[in-house]
Amino acid sequence: AHDRLLRTGMAQLAGPEPHPLQAAS
């Protein structure tokens, strides 16, 4: 849960490339 969900999701939110998580936020 930590490696595949929490850490991955935070990286996608902070990444320079557009991601659905950013749009949802």
PDBML (XML) file of the C-alpha atoms, coordinates in Angstrom:
<?xml version="1.0" encoding="UTF-8" ?>
<PDBx:datablock datablockName="MODEL"
   xmlns:PDBx="http://pdbml.pdb.org/schema/pdbx-v50.xsd"
   xmlns:xsi="http://www.w3.org/2001/XMLSchema-instance"
   xsi:schemaLocation="http://pdbml.pdb.org/schema/pdbx-v50.xsd pdbx-v50.xsd">
   <PDBx:atom_siteCategory>
      <PDBx:atom_site id="1">
         <PDBx:B_iso_or_equiv>0.00</PDBx:B_iso_or_equiv>
         <PDBx:Cartn_x>0.000</PDBx:Cartn_x>
         <PDBx:Cartn_y>0.000</PDBx:Cartn_y>
         <PDBx:Cartn_z>0.000</PDBx:Cartn_z>
         <PDBx:auth_asym_id>A</PDBx:auth_asym_id>
         <PDBx:auth_atom_id>CA</PDBx:auth_atom_id>
         <PDBx:auth_comp_id>ALA</PDBx:auth_comp_id>
         <PDBx:auth_seq_id>1</PDBx:auth_seq_id>
         <PDBx:group_PDB>ATOM</PDBx:group_PDB>
         <PDBx:label_alt_id xsi:nil="true" />
         <PDBx:label_asym_id>A</PDBx:label_asym_id>
         <PDBx:label_atom_id>CA</PDBx:label_atom_id>
         <PDBx:label_comp_id>ALA</PDBx:label_comp_id>
         <PDBx:label_entity_id>1</PDBx:label_entity_id>
         <PDBx:label_seq_id>1</PDBx:label_seq_id>
         <PDBx:occupancy>1.00</PDBx:occupancy>
         <PDBx:pdbx_PDB_model_num>1</PDBx:pdbx_PDB_model_num>
         <PDBx:type_symbol>C</PDBx:type_symbol>
      </PDBx:atom_site>
      <PDBx:atom_site id="2">
         <PDBx:B_iso_or_equiv>0.00</PDBx:B_iso_or_equiv>
         <PDBx:Cartn_x>2.849</PDBx:Cartn_x>
         <PDBx:Cartn_y>2.366</PDBx:Cartn_y>
         <PDBx:Cartn_z>0.803</PDBx:Cartn_z>
         <PDBx:auth_asym_id>A</PDBx:auth_asym_id>
         <PDBx:auth_atom_id>CA</PDBx:auth_atom_id>
         <PDBx:auth_comp_id>HIS</PDBx:auth_comp_id>
         <PDBx:auth_seq_id>2</PDBx:auth_seq_id>
         <PDBx:group_PDB>ATOM</PDBx:group_PDB>
         <PDBx:label_alt_id xsi:nil="true" />
         <PDBx:label_asym_id>A</PDBx:label_asym_id>
         <PDBx:label_atom_id>CA</PDBx:label_atom_id>
         <PDBx:label_comp_id>HIS</PDBx:label_comp_id>
         <PDBx:label_entity_id>1</PDBx:label_entity_id>
         <PDBx:label_seq_id>2</PDBx:label_seq_id>
         <PDBx:occupancy>1.00</PDBx:occupancy>
         <PDBx:pdbx_PDB_model_num>1</PDBx:pdbx_PDB_model_num>
         <PDBx:type_symbol>C</PDBx:type_symbol>
      </PDBx:atom_site>
      <PDBx:atom_site id="3">
         <PDBx:B_iso_or_equiv>0.00</PDBx:B_iso_or_equiv>
         <PDBx:Cartn_x>4.991</PDBx:Cartn_x>
         <PDBx:Cartn_y>1.657</PDBx:Cartn_y>
         <PDBx:Cartn_z>-2.267</PDBx:Cartn_z>
         <PDBx:auth_asym_id>A</PDBx:auth_asym_id>
         <PDBx:auth_atom_id>CA</PDBx:auth_atom_id>
         <PDBx:auth_comp_id>ASP</PDBx:auth_comp_id>
         <PDBx:auth_seq_id>3</PDBx:auth_seq_id>
         <PDBx:group_PDB>ATOM</PDBx:group_PDB>
         <PDBx:label_alt_id xsi:nil="true" />
         <PDBx:label_asym_id>A</PDBx:label_asym_id>
         <PDBx:label_atom_id>CA</PDBx:label_atom_id>
         <PDBx:label_comp_id>ASP</PDBx:label_comp_id>
         <PDBx:label_entity_id>1</PDBx:label_entity_id>
         <PDBx:label_seq_id>3</PDBx:label_seq_id>
         <PDBx:occupancy>1.00</PDBx:occupancy>
         <PDBx:pdbx_PDB_model_num>1</PDBx:pdbx_PDB_model_num>
         <PDBx:type_symbol>C</PDBx:type_symbol>
      </PDBx:atom_site>
      <PDBx:atom_site id="4">
         <PDBx:B_iso_or_equiv>0.00</PDBx:B_iso_or_equiv>
         <PDBx:Cartn_x>2.367</PDBx:Cartn_x>
         <PDBx:Cartn_y>1.130</PDBx:Cartn_y>
         <PDBx:Cartn_z>-4.953</PDBx:Cartn_z>
         <PDBx:auth_asym_id>A</PDBx:auth_asym_id>
         <PDBx:auth_atom_id>CA</PDBx:auth_atom_id>
         <PDBx:auth_comp_id>ARG</PDBx:auth_comp_id>
         <PDBx:auth_seq_id>4</PDBx:auth_seq_id>
         <PDBx:group_PDB>ATOM</PDBx:group_PDB>
         <PDBx:label_alt_id xsi:nil="true" />
         <PDBx:label_asym_id>A</PDBx:label_asym_id>
         <PDBx:label_atom_id>CA</PDBx:label_atom_id>
         <PDBx:label_comp_id>ARG</PDBx:label_comp_id>
         <PDBx:label_entity_id>1</PDBx:label_entity_id>
         <PDBx:label_seq_id>4</PDBx:label_seq_id>
         <PDBx:occupancy>1.00</PDBx:occupancy>
         <PDBx:pdbx_PDB_model_num>1</PDBx:pdbx_PDB_model_num>
         <PDBx:type_symbol>C</PDBx:type_symbol>
      </PDBx:atom_site>
      <PDBx:atom_site id="5">
         <PDBx:B_iso_or_equiv>0.00</PDBx:B_iso_or_equiv>
         <PDBx:Cartn_x>-0.404</PDBx:Cartn_x>
         <PDBx:Cartn_y>3.467</PDBx:Cartn_y>
         <PDBx:Cartn_z>-3.808</PDBx:Cartn_z>
         <PDBx:auth_asym_id>A</PDBx:auth_asym_id>
         <PDBx:auth_atom_id>CA</PDBx:auth_atom_id>
         <PDBx:auth_comp_id>LEU</PDBx:auth_comp_id>
         <PDBx:auth_seq_id>5</PDBx:auth_seq_id>
         <PDBx:group_PDB>ATOM</PDBx:group_PDB>
         <PDBx:label_alt_id xsi:nil="true" />
         <PDBx:label_asym_id>A</PDBx:label_asym_id>
         <PDBx:label_atom_id>CA</PDBx:label_atom_id>
         <PDBx:label_comp_id>LEU</PDBx:label_comp_id>
         <PDBx:label_entity_id>1</PDBx:label_entity_id>
         <PDBx:label_seq_id>5</PDBx:label_seq_id>
         <PDBx:occupancy>1.00</PDBx:occupancy>
         <PDBx:pdbx_PDB_model_num>1</PDBx:pdbx_PDB_model_num>
         <PDBx:type_symbol>C</PDBx:type_symbol>
      </PDBx:atom_site>
      <PDBx:atom_site id="6">
         <PDBx:B_iso_or_equiv>0.00</PDBx:B_iso_or_equiv>
         <PDBx:Cartn_x>0.788</PDBx:Cartn_x>
         <PDBx:Cartn_y>6.185</PDBx:Cartn_y>
         <PDBx:Cartn_z>-1.447</PDBx:Cartn_z>
         <PDBx:auth_asym_id>A</PDBx:auth_asym_id>
         <PDBx:auth_atom_id>CA</PDBx:auth_atom_id>
         <PDBx:auth_comp_id>LEU</PDBx:auth_comp_id>
         <PDBx:auth_seq_id>6</PDBx:auth_seq_id>
         <PDBx:group_PDB>ATOM</PDBx:group_PDB>
         <PDBx:label_alt_id xsi:nil="true" />
         <PDBx:label_asym_id>A</PDBx:label_asym_id>
         <PDBx:label_atom_id>CA</PDBx:label_atom_id>
         <PDBx:label_comp_id>LEU</PDBx:label_comp_id>
         <PDBx:label_entity_id>1</PDBx:label_entity_id>
         <PDBx:label_seq_id>6</PDBx:label_seq_id>
         <PDBx:occupancy>1.00</PDBx:occupancy>
         <PDBx:pdbx_PDB_model_num>1</PDBx:pdbx_PDB_model_num>
         <PDBx:type_symbol>C</PDBx:type_symbol>
      </PDBx:atom_site>
      <PDBx:atom_site id="7">
         <PDBx:B_iso_or_equiv>0.00</PDBx:B_iso_or_equiv>
         <PDBx:Cartn_x>4.280</PDBx:Cartn_x>
         <PDBx:Cartn_y>6.849</PDBx:Cartn_y>
         <PDBx:Cartn_z>-2.796</PDBx:Cartn_z>
         <PDBx:auth_asym_id>A</PDBx:auth_asym_id>
         <PDBx:auth_atom_id>CA</PDBx:auth_atom_id>
         <PDBx:auth_comp_id>ARG</PDBx:auth_comp_id>
         <PDBx:auth_seq_id>7</PDBx:auth_seq_id>
         <PDBx:group_PDB>ATOM</PDBx:group_PDB>
         <PDBx:label_alt_id xsi:nil="true" />
         <PDBx:label_asym_id>A</PDBx:label_asym_id>
         <PDBx:label_atom_id>CA</PDBx:label_atom_id>
         <PDBx:label_comp_id>ARG</PDBx:label_comp_id>
         <PDBx:label_entity_id>1</PDBx:label_entity_id>
         <PDBx:label_seq_id>7</PDBx:label_seq_id>
         <PDBx:occupancy>1.00</PDBx:occupancy>
         <PDBx:pdbx_PDB_model_num>1</PDBx:pdbx_PDB_model_num>
         <PDBx:type_symbol>C</PDBx:type_symbol>
      </PDBx:atom_site>
      <PDBx:atom_site id="8">
         <PDBx:B_iso_or_equiv>0.00</PDBx:B_iso_or_equiv>
         <PDBx:Cartn_x>3.266</PDBx:Cartn_x>
         <PDBx:Cartn_y>6.355</PDBx:Cartn_y>
         <PDBx:Cartn_z>-6.435</PDBx:Cartn_z>
         <PDBx:auth_asym_id>A</PDBx:auth_asym_id>
         <PDBx:auth_atom_id>CA</PDBx:auth_atom_id>
         <PDBx:auth_comp_id>THR</PDBx:auth_comp_id>
         <PDBx:auth_seq_id>8</PDBx:auth_seq_id>
         <PDBx:group_PDB>ATOM</PDBx:group_PDB>
         <PDBx:label_alt_id xsi:nil="true" />
         <PDBx:label_asym_id>A</PDBx:label_asym_id>
         <PDBx:label_atom_id>CA</PDBx:label_atom_id>
         <PDBx:label_comp_id>THR</PDBx:label_comp_id>
         <PDBx:label_entity_id>1</PDBx:label_entity_id>
         <PDBx:label_seq_id>8</PDBx:label_seq_id>
         <PDBx:occupancy>1.00</PDBx:occupancy>
         <PDBx:pdbx_PDB_model_num>1</PDBx:pdbx_PDB_model_num>
         <PDBx:type_symbol>C</PDBx:type_symbol>
      </PDBx:atom_site>
      <PDBx:atom_site id="9">
         <PDBx:B_iso_or_equiv>0.00</PDBx:B_iso_or_equiv>
         <PDBx:Cartn_x>0.228</PDBx:Cartn_x>
         <PDBx:Cartn_y>8.601</PDBx:Cartn_y>
         <PDBx:Cartn_z>-6.111</PDBx:Cartn_z>
         <PDBx:auth_asym_id>A</PDBx:auth_asym_id>
         <PDBx:auth_atom_id>CA</PDBx:auth_atom_id>
         <PDBx:auth_comp_id>GLY</PDBx:auth_comp_id>
         <PDBx:auth_seq_id>9</PDBx:auth_seq_id>
         <PDBx:group_PDB>ATOM</PDBx:group_PDB>
         <PDBx:label_alt_id xsi:nil="true" />
         <PDBx:label_asym_id>A</PDBx:label_asym_id>
         <PDBx:label_atom_id>CA</PDBx:label_atom_id>
         <PDBx:label_comp_id>GLY</PDBx:label_comp_id>
         <PDBx:label_entity_id>1</PDBx:label_entity_id>
         <PDBx:label_seq_id>9</PDBx:label_seq_id>
         <PDBx:occupancy>1.00</PDBx:occupancy>
         <PDBx:pdbx_PDB_model_num>1</PDBx:pdbx_PDB_model_num>
         <PDBx:type_symbol>C</PDBx:type_symbol>
      </PDBx:atom_site>
      <PDBx:atom_site id="10">
         <PDBx:B_iso_or_equiv>0.00</PDBx:B_iso_or_equiv>
         <PDBx:Cartn_x>2.203</PDBx:Cartn_x>
         <PDBx:Cartn_y>11.398</PDBx:Cartn_y>
         <PDBx:Cartn_z>-4.461</PDBx:Cartn_z>
         <PDBx:auth_asym_id>A</PDBx:auth_asym_id>
         <PDBx:auth_atom_id>CA</PDBx:auth_atom_id>
         <PDBx:auth_comp_id>MET</PDBx:auth_comp_id>
         <PDBx:auth_seq_id>10</PDBx:auth_seq_id>
         <PDBx:group_PDB>ATOM</PDBx:group_PDB>
         <PDBx:label_alt_id xsi:nil="true" />
         <PDBx:label_asym_id>A</PDBx:label_asym_id>
         <PDBx:label_atom_id>CA</PDBx:label_atom_id>
         <PDBx:label_comp_id>MET</PDBx:label_comp_id>
         <PDBx:label_entity_id>1</PDBx:label_entity_id>
         <PDBx:label_seq_id>10</PDBx:label_seq_id>
         <PDBx:occupancy>1.00</PDBx:occupancy>
         <PDBx:pdbx_PDB_model_num>1</PDBx:pdbx_PDB_model_num>
         <PDBx:type_symbol>C</PDBx:type_symbol>
      </PDBx:atom_site>
      <PDBx:atom_site id="11">
         <PDBx:B_iso_or_equiv>0.00</PDBx:B_iso_or_equiv>
         <PDBx:Cartn_x>4.803</PDBx:Cartn_x>
         <PDBx:Cartn_y>11.180</PDBx:Cartn_y>
         <PDBx:Cartn_z>-7.239</PDBx:Cartn_z>
         <PDBx:auth_asym_id>A</PDBx:auth_asym_id>
         <PDBx:auth_atom_id>CA</PDBx:auth_atom_id>
         <PDBx:auth_comp_id>ALA</PDBx:auth_comp_id>
         <PDBx:auth_seq_id>11</PDBx:auth_seq_id>
         <PDBx:group_PDB>ATOM</PDBx:group_PDB>
         <PDBx:label_alt_id xsi:nil="true" />
         <PDBx:label_asym_id>A</PDBx:label_asym_id>
         <PDBx:label_atom_id>CA</PDBx:label_atom_id>
         <PDBx:label_comp_id>ALA</PDBx:label_comp_id>
         <PDBx:label_entity_id>1</PDBx:label_entity_id>
         <PDBx:label_seq_id>11</PDBx:label_seq_id>
         <PDBx:occupancy>1.00</PDBx:occupancy>
         <PDBx:pdbx_PDB_model_num>1</PDBx:pdbx_PDB_model_num>
         <PDBx:type_symbol>C</PDBx:type_symbol>
      </PDBx:atom_site>
      <PDBx:atom_site id="12">
         <PDBx:B_iso_or_equiv>0.00</PDBx:B_iso_or_equiv>
         <PDBx:Cartn_x>2.080</PDBx:Cartn_x>
         <PDBx:Cartn_y>11.494</PDBx:Cartn_y>
         <PDBx:Cartn_z>-9.870</PDBx:Cartn_z>
         <PDBx:auth_asym_id>A</PDBx:auth_asym_id>
         <PDBx:auth_atom_id>CA</PDBx:auth_atom_id>
         <PDBx:auth_comp_id>GLN</PDBx:auth_comp_id>
         <PDBx:auth_seq_id>12</PDBx:auth_seq_id>
         <PDBx:group_PDB>ATOM</PDBx:group_PDB>
         <PDBx:label_alt_id xsi:nil="true" />
         <PDBx:label_asym_id>A</PDBx:label_asym_id>
         <PDBx:label_atom_id>CA</PDBx:label_atom_id>
         <PDBx:label_comp_id>GLN</PDBx:label_comp_id>
         <PDBx:label_entity_id>1</PDBx:label_entity_id>
         <PDBx:label_seq_id>12</PDBx:label_seq_id>
         <PDBx:occupancy>1.00</PDBx:occupancy>
         <PDBx:pdbx_PDB_model_num>1</PDBx:pdbx_PDB_model_num>
         <PDBx:type_symbol>C</PDBx:type_symbol>
      </PDBx:atom_site>
      <PDBx:atom_site id="13">
         <PDBx:B_iso_or_equiv>0.00</PDBx:B_iso_or_equiv>
         <PDBx:Cartn_x>0.621</PDBx:Cartn_x>
         <PDBx:Cartn_y>14.546</PDBx:Cartn_y>
         <PDBx:Cartn_z>-8.146</PDBx:Cartn_z>
         <PDBx:auth_asym_id>A</PDBx:auth_asym_id>
         <PDBx:auth_atom_id>CA</PDBx:auth_atom_id>
         <PDBx:auth_comp_id>LEU</PDBx:auth_comp_id>
         <PDBx:auth_seq_id>13</PDBx:auth_seq_id>
         <PDBx:group_PDB>ATOM</PDBx:group_PDB>
         <PDBx:label_alt_id xsi:nil="true" />
         <PDBx:label_asym_id>A</PDBx:label_asym_id>
         <PDBx:label_atom_id>CA</PDBx:label_atom_id>
         <PDBx:label_comp_id>LEU</PDBx:label_comp_id>
         <PDBx:label_entity_id>1</PDBx:label_entity_id>
         <PDBx:label_seq_id>13</PDBx:label_seq_id>
         <PDBx:occupancy>1.00</PDBx:occupancy>
         <PDBx:pdbx_PDB_model_num>1</PDBx:pdbx_PDB_model_num>
         <PDBx:type_symbol>C</PDBx:type_symbol>
      </PDBx:atom_site>
      <PDBx:atom_site id="14">
         <PDBx:B_iso_or_equiv>0.00</PDBx:B_iso_or_equiv>
         <PDBx:Cartn_x>4.021</PDBx:Cartn_x>
         <PDBx:Cartn_y>16.216</PDBx:Cartn_y>
         <PDBx:Cartn_z>-7.945</PDBx:Cartn_z>
         <PDBx:auth_asym_id>A</PDBx:auth_asym_id>
         <PDBx:auth_atom_id>CA</PDBx:auth_atom_id>
         <PDBx:auth_comp_id>ALA</PDBx:auth_comp_id>
         <PDBx:auth_seq_id>14</PDBx:auth_seq_id>
         <PDBx:group_PDB>ATOM</PDBx:group_PDB>
         <PDBx:label_alt_id xsi:nil="true" />
         <PDBx:label_asym_id>A</PDBx:label_asym_id>
         <PDBx:label_atom_id>CA</PDBx:label_atom_id>
         <PDBx:label_comp_id>ALA</PDBx:label_comp_id>
         <PDBx:label_entity_id>1</PDBx:label_entity_id>
         <PDBx:label_seq_id>14</PDBx:label_seq_id>
         <PDBx:occupancy>1.00</PDBx:occupancy>
         <PDBx:pdbx_PDB_model_num>1</PDBx:pdbx_PDB_model_num>
         <PDBx:type_symbol>C</PDBx:type_symbol>
      </PDBx:atom_site>
      <PDBx:atom_site id="15">
         <PDBx:B_iso_or_equiv>0.00</PDBx:B_iso_or_equiv>
         <PDBx:Cartn_x>5.232</PDBx:Cartn_x>
         <PDBx:Cartn_y>15.204</PDBx:Cartn_y>
         <PDBx:Cartn_z>-11.425</PDBx:Cartn_z>
         <PDBx:auth_asym_id>A</PDBx:auth_asym_id>
         <PDBx:auth_atom_id>CA</PDBx:auth_atom_id>
         <PDBx:auth_comp_id>GLY</PDBx:auth_comp_id>
         <PDBx:auth_seq_id>15</PDBx:auth_seq_id>
         <PDBx:group_PDB>ATOM</PDBx:group_PDB>
         <PDBx:label_alt_id xsi:nil="true" />
         <PDBx:label_asym_id>A</PDBx:label_asym_id>
         <PDBx:label_atom_id>CA</PDBx:label_atom_id>
         <PDBx:label_comp_id>GLY</PDBx:label_comp_id>
         <PDBx:label_entity_id>1</PDBx:label_entity_id>
         <PDBx:label_seq_id>15</PDBx:label_seq_id>
         <PDBx:occupancy>1.00</PDBx:occupancy>
         <PDBx:pdbx_PDB_model_num>1</PDBx:pdbx_PDB_model_num>
         <PDBx:type_symbol>C</PDBx:type_symbol>
      </PDBx:atom_site>
      <PDBx:atom_site id="16">
         <PDBx:B_iso_or_equiv>0.00</PDBx:B_iso_or_equiv>
         <PDBx:Cartn_x>5.644</PDBx:Cartn_x>
         <PDBx:Cartn_y>17.688</PDBx:Cartn_y>
         <PDBx:Cartn_z>-14.295</PDBx:Cartn_z>
         <PDBx:auth_asym_id>A</PDBx:auth_asym_id>
         <PDBx:auth_atom_id>CA</PDBx:auth_atom_id>
         <PDBx:auth_comp_id>PRO</PDBx:auth_comp_id>
         <PDBx:auth_seq_id>16</PDBx:auth_seq_id>
         <PDBx:group_PDB>ATOM</PDBx:group_PDB>
         <PDBx:label_alt_id xsi:nil="true" />
         <PDBx:label_asym_id>A</PDBx:label_asym_id>
         <PDBx:label_atom_id>CA</PDBx:label_atom_id>
         <PDBx:label_comp_id>PRO</PDBx:label_comp_id>
         <PDBx:label_entity_id>1</PDBx:label_entity_id>
         <PDBx:label_seq_id>16</PDBx:label_seq_id>
         <PDBx:occupancy>1.00</PDBx:occupancy>
         <PDBx:pdbx_PDB_model_num>1</PDBx:pdbx_PDB_model_num>
         <PDBx:type_symbol>C</PDBx:type_symbol>
      </PDBx:atom_site>
      <PDBx:atom_site id="17">
         <PDBx:B_iso_or_equiv>0.00</PDBx:B_iso_or_equiv>
         <PDBx:Cartn_x>3.576</PDBx:Cartn_x>
         <PDBx:Cartn_y>15.568</PDBx:Cartn_y>
         <PDBx:Cartn_z>-16.706</PDBx:Cartn_z>
         <PDBx:auth_asym_id>A</PDBx:auth_asym_id>
         <PDBx:auth_atom_id>CA</PDBx:auth_atom_id>
         <PDBx:auth_comp_id>GLU</PDBx:auth_comp_id>
         <PDBx:auth_seq_id>17</PDBx:auth_seq_id>
         <PDBx:group_PDB>ATOM</PDBx:group_PDB>
         <PDBx:label_alt_id xsi:nil="true" />
         <PDBx:label_asym_id>A</PDBx:label_asym_id>
         <PDBx:label_atom_id>CA</PDBx:label_atom_id>
         <PDBx:label_comp_id>GLU</PDBx:label_comp_id>
         <PDBx:label_entity_id>1</PDBx:label_entity_id>
         <PDBx:label_seq_id>17</PDBx:label_seq_id>
         <PDBx:occupancy>1.00</PDBx:occupancy>
         <PDBx:pdbx_PDB_model_num>1</PDBx:pdbx_PDB_model_num>
         <PDBx:type_symbol>C</PDBx:type_symbol>
      </PDBx:atom_site>
      <PDBx:atom_site id="18">
         <PDBx:B_iso_or_equiv>0.00</PDBx:B_iso_or_equiv>
         <PDBx:Cartn_x>-0.241</PDBx:Cartn_x>
         <PDBx:Cartn_y>15.926</PDBx:Cartn_y>
         <PDBx:Cartn_z>-16.656</PDBx:Cartn_z>
         <PDBx:auth_asym_id>A</PDBx:auth_asym_id>
         <PDBx:auth_atom_id>CA</PDBx:auth_atom_id>
         <PDBx:auth_comp_id>PRO</PDBx:auth_comp_id>
         <PDBx:auth_seq_id>18</PDBx:auth_seq_id>
         <PDBx:group_PDB>ATOM</PDBx:group_PDB>
         <PDBx:label_alt_id xsi:nil="true" />
         <PDBx:label_asym_id>A</PDBx:label_asym_id>
         <PDBx:label_atom_id>CA</PDBx:label_atom_id>
         <PDBx:label_comp_id>PRO</PDBx:label_comp_id>
         <PDBx:label_entity_id>1</PDBx:label_entity_id>
         <PDBx:label_seq_id>18</PDBx:label_seq_id>
         <PDBx:occupancy>1.00</PDBx:occupancy>
         <PDBx:pdbx_PDB_model_num>1</PDBx:pdbx_PDB_model_num>
         <PDBx:type_symbol>C</PDBx:type_symbol>
      </PDBx:atom_site>
      <PDBx:atom_site id="19">
         <PDBx:B_iso_or_equiv>0.00</PDBx:B_iso_or_equiv>
         <PDBx:Cartn_x>-1.945</PDBx:Cartn_x>
         <PDBx:Cartn_y>13.115</PDBx:Cartn_y>
         <PDBx:Cartn_z>-14.770</PDBx:Cartn_z>
         <PDBx:auth_asym_id>A</PDBx:auth_asym_id>
         <PDBx:auth_atom_id>CA</PDBx:auth_atom_id>
         <PDBx:auth_comp_id>HIS</PDBx:auth_comp_id>
         <PDBx:auth_seq_id>19</PDBx:auth_seq_id>
         <PDBx:group_PDB>ATOM</PDBx:group_PDB>
         <PDBx:label_alt_id xsi:nil="true" />
         <PDBx:label_asym_id>A</PDBx:label_asym_id>
         <PDBx:label_atom_id>CA</PDBx:label_atom_id>
         <PDBx:label_comp_id>HIS</PDBx:label_comp_id>
         <PDBx:label_entity_id>1</PDBx:label_entity_id>
         <PDBx:label_seq_id>19</PDBx:label_seq_id>
         <PDBx:occupancy>1.00</PDBx:occupancy>
         <PDBx:pdbx_PDB_model_num>1</PDBx:pdbx_PDB_model_num>
         <PDBx:type_symbol>C</PDBx:type_symbol>
      </PDBx:atom_site>
      <PDBx:atom_site id="20">
         <PDBx:B_iso_or_equiv>0.00</PDBx:B_iso_or_equiv>
         <PDBx:Cartn_x>-5.624</PDBx:Cartn_x>
         <PDBx:Cartn_y>12.290</PDBx:Cartn_y>
         <PDBx:Cartn_z>-13.984</PDBx:Cartn_z>
         <PDBx:auth_asym_id>A</PDBx:auth_asym_id>
         <PDBx:auth_atom_id>CA</PDBx:auth_atom_id>
         <PDBx:auth_comp_id>PRO</PDBx:auth_comp_id>
         <PDBx:auth_seq_id>20</PDBx:auth_seq_id>
         <PDBx:group_PDB>ATOM</PDBx:group_PDB>
         <PDBx:label_alt_id xsi:nil="true" />
         <PDBx:label_asym_id>A</PDBx:label_asym_id>
         <PDBx:label_atom_id>CA</PDBx:label_atom_id>
         <PDBx:label_comp_id>PRO</PDBx:label_comp_id>
         <PDBx:label_entity_id>1</PDBx:label_entity_id>
         <PDBx:label_seq_id>20</PDBx:label_seq_id>
         <PDBx:occupancy>1.00</PDBx:occupancy>
         <PDBx:pdbx_PDB_model_num>1</PDBx:pdbx_PDB_model_num>
         <PDBx:type_symbol>C</PDBx:type_symbol>
      </PDBx:atom_site>
      <PDBx:atom_site id="21">
         <PDBx:B_iso_or_equiv>0.00</PDBx:B_iso_or_equiv>
         <PDBx:Cartn_x>-4.889</PDBx:Cartn_x>
         <PDBx:Cartn_y>12.649</PDBx:Cartn_y>
         <PDBx:Cartn_z>-10.275</PDBx:Cartn_z>
         <PDBx:auth_asym_id>A</PDBx:auth_asym_id>
         <PDBx:auth_atom_id>CA</PDBx:auth_atom_id>
         <PDBx:auth_comp_id>LEU</PDBx:auth_comp_id>
         <PDBx:auth_seq_id>21</PDBx:auth_seq_id>
         <PDBx:group_PDB>ATOM</PDBx:group_PDB>
         <PDBx:label_alt_id xsi:nil="true" />
         <PDBx:label_asym_id>A</PDBx:label_asym_id>
         <PDBx:label_atom_id>CA</PDBx:label_atom_id>
         <PDBx:label_comp_id>LEU</PDBx:label_comp_id>
         <PDBx:label_entity_id>1</PDBx:label_entity_id>
         <PDBx:label_seq_id>21</PDBx:label_seq_id>
         <PDBx:occupancy>1.00</PDBx:occupancy>
         <PDBx:pdbx_PDB_model_num>1</PDBx:pdbx_PDB_model_num>
         <PDBx:type_symbol>C</PDBx:type_symbol>
      </PDBx:atom_site>
      <PDBx:atom_site id="22">
         <PDBx:B_iso_or_equiv>0.00</PDBx:B_iso_or_equiv>
         <PDBx:Cartn_x>-3.849</PDBx:Cartn_x>
         <PDBx:Cartn_y>16.248</PDBx:Cartn_y>
         <PDBx:Cartn_z>-10.814</PDBx:Cartn_z>
         <PDBx:auth_asym_id>A</PDBx:auth_asym_id>
         <PDBx:auth_atom_id>CA</PDBx:auth_atom_id>
         <PDBx:auth_comp_id>GLN</PDBx:auth_comp_id>
         <PDBx:auth_seq_id>22</PDBx:auth_seq_id>
         <PDBx:group_PDB>ATOM</PDBx:group_PDB>
         <PDBx:label_alt_id xsi:nil="true" />
         <PDBx:label_asym_id>A</PDBx:label_asym_id>
         <PDBx:label_atom_id>CA</PDBx:label_atom_id>
         <PDBx:label_comp_id>GLN</PDBx:label_comp_id>
         <PDBx:label_entity_id>1</PDBx:label_entity_id>
         <PDBx:label_seq_id>22</PDBx:label_seq_id>
         <PDBx:occupancy>1.00</PDBx:occupancy>
         <PDBx:pdbx_PDB_model_num>1</PDBx:pdbx_PDB_model_num>
         <PDBx:type_symbol>C</PDBx:type_symbol>
      </PDBx:atom_site>
      <PDBx:atom_site id="23">
         <PDBx:B_iso_or_equiv>0.00</PDBx:B_iso_or_equiv>
         <PDBx:Cartn_x>-7.042</PDBx:Cartn_x>
         <PDBx:Cartn_y>16.983</PDBx:Cartn_y>
         <PDBx:Cartn_z>-12.754</PDBx:Cartn_z>
         <PDBx:auth_asym_id>A</PDBx:auth_asym_id>
         <PDBx:auth_atom_id>CA</PDBx:auth_atom_id>
         <PDBx:auth_comp_id>ALA</PDBx:auth_comp_id>
         <PDBx:auth_seq_id>23</PDBx:auth_seq_id>
         <PDBx:group_PDB>ATOM</PDBx:group_PDB>
         <PDBx:label_alt_id xsi:nil="true" />
         <PDBx:label_asym_id>A</PDBx:label_asym_id>
         <PDBx:label_atom_id>CA</PDBx:label_atom_id>
         <PDBx:label_comp_id>ALA</PDBx:label_comp_id>
         <PDBx:label_entity_id>1</PDBx:label_entity_id>
         <PDBx:label_seq_id>23</PDBx:label_seq_id>
         <PDBx:occupancy>1.00</PDBx:occupancy>
         <PDBx:pdbx_PDB_model_num>1</PDBx:pdbx_PDB_model_num>
         <PDBx:type_symbol>C</PDBx:type_symbol>
      </PDBx:atom_site>
      <PDBx:atom_site id="24">
         <PDBx:B_iso_or_equiv>0.00</PDBx:B_iso_or_equiv>
         <PDBx:Cartn_x>-9.145</PDBx:Cartn_x>
         <PDBx:Cartn_y>15.373</PDBx:Cartn_y>
         <PDBx:Cartn_z>-10.010</PDBx:Cartn_z>
         <PDBx:auth_asym_id>A</PDBx:auth_asym_id>
         <PDBx:auth_atom_id>CA</PDBx:auth_atom_id>
         <PDBx:auth_comp_id>ALA</PDBx:auth_comp_id>
         <PDBx:auth_seq_id>24</PDBx:auth_seq_id>
         <PDBx:group_PDB>ATOM</PDBx:group_PDB>
         <PDBx:label_alt_id xsi:nil="true" />
         <PDBx:label_asym_id>A</PDBx:label_asym_id>
         <PDBx:label_atom_id>CA</PDBx:label_atom_id>
         <PDBx:label_comp_id>ALA</PDBx:label_comp_id>
         <PDBx:label_entity_id>1</PDBx:label_entity_id>
         <PDBx:label_seq_id>24</PDBx:label_seq_id>
         <PDBx:occupancy>1.00</PDBx:occupancy>
         <PDBx:pdbx_PDB_model_num>1</PDBx:pdbx_PDB_model_num>
         <PDBx:type_symbol>C</PDBx:type_symbol>
      </PDBx:atom_site>
      <PDBx:atom_site id="25">
         <PDBx:B_iso_or_equiv>0.00</PDBx:B_iso_or_equiv>
         <PDBx:Cartn_x>-7.346</PDBx:Cartn_x>
         <PDBx:Cartn_y>17.435</PDBx:Cartn_y>
         <PDBx:Cartn_z>-7.371</PDBx:Cartn_z>
         <PDBx:auth_asym_id>A</PDBx:auth_asym_id>
         <PDBx:auth_atom_id>CA</PDBx:auth_atom_id>
         <PDBx:auth_comp_id>SER</PDBx:auth_comp_id>
         <PDBx:auth_seq_id>25</PDBx:auth_seq_id>
         <PDBx:group_PDB>ATOM</PDBx:group_PDB>
         <PDBx:label_alt_id xsi:nil="true" />
         <PDBx:label_asym_id>A</PDBx:label_asym_id>
         <PDBx:label_atom_id>CA</PDBx:label_atom_id>
         <PDBx:label_comp_id>SER</PDBx:label_comp_id>
         <PDBx:label_entity_id>1</PDBx:label_entity_id>
         <PDBx:label_seq_id>25</PDBx:label_seq_id>
         <PDBx:occupancy>1.00</PDBx:occupancy>
         <PDBx:pdbx_PDB_model_num>1</PDBx:pdbx_PDB_model_num>
         <PDBx:type_symbol>C</PDBx:type_symbol>
      </PDBx:atom_site>
   </PDBx:atom_siteCategory>
</PDBx:datablock>
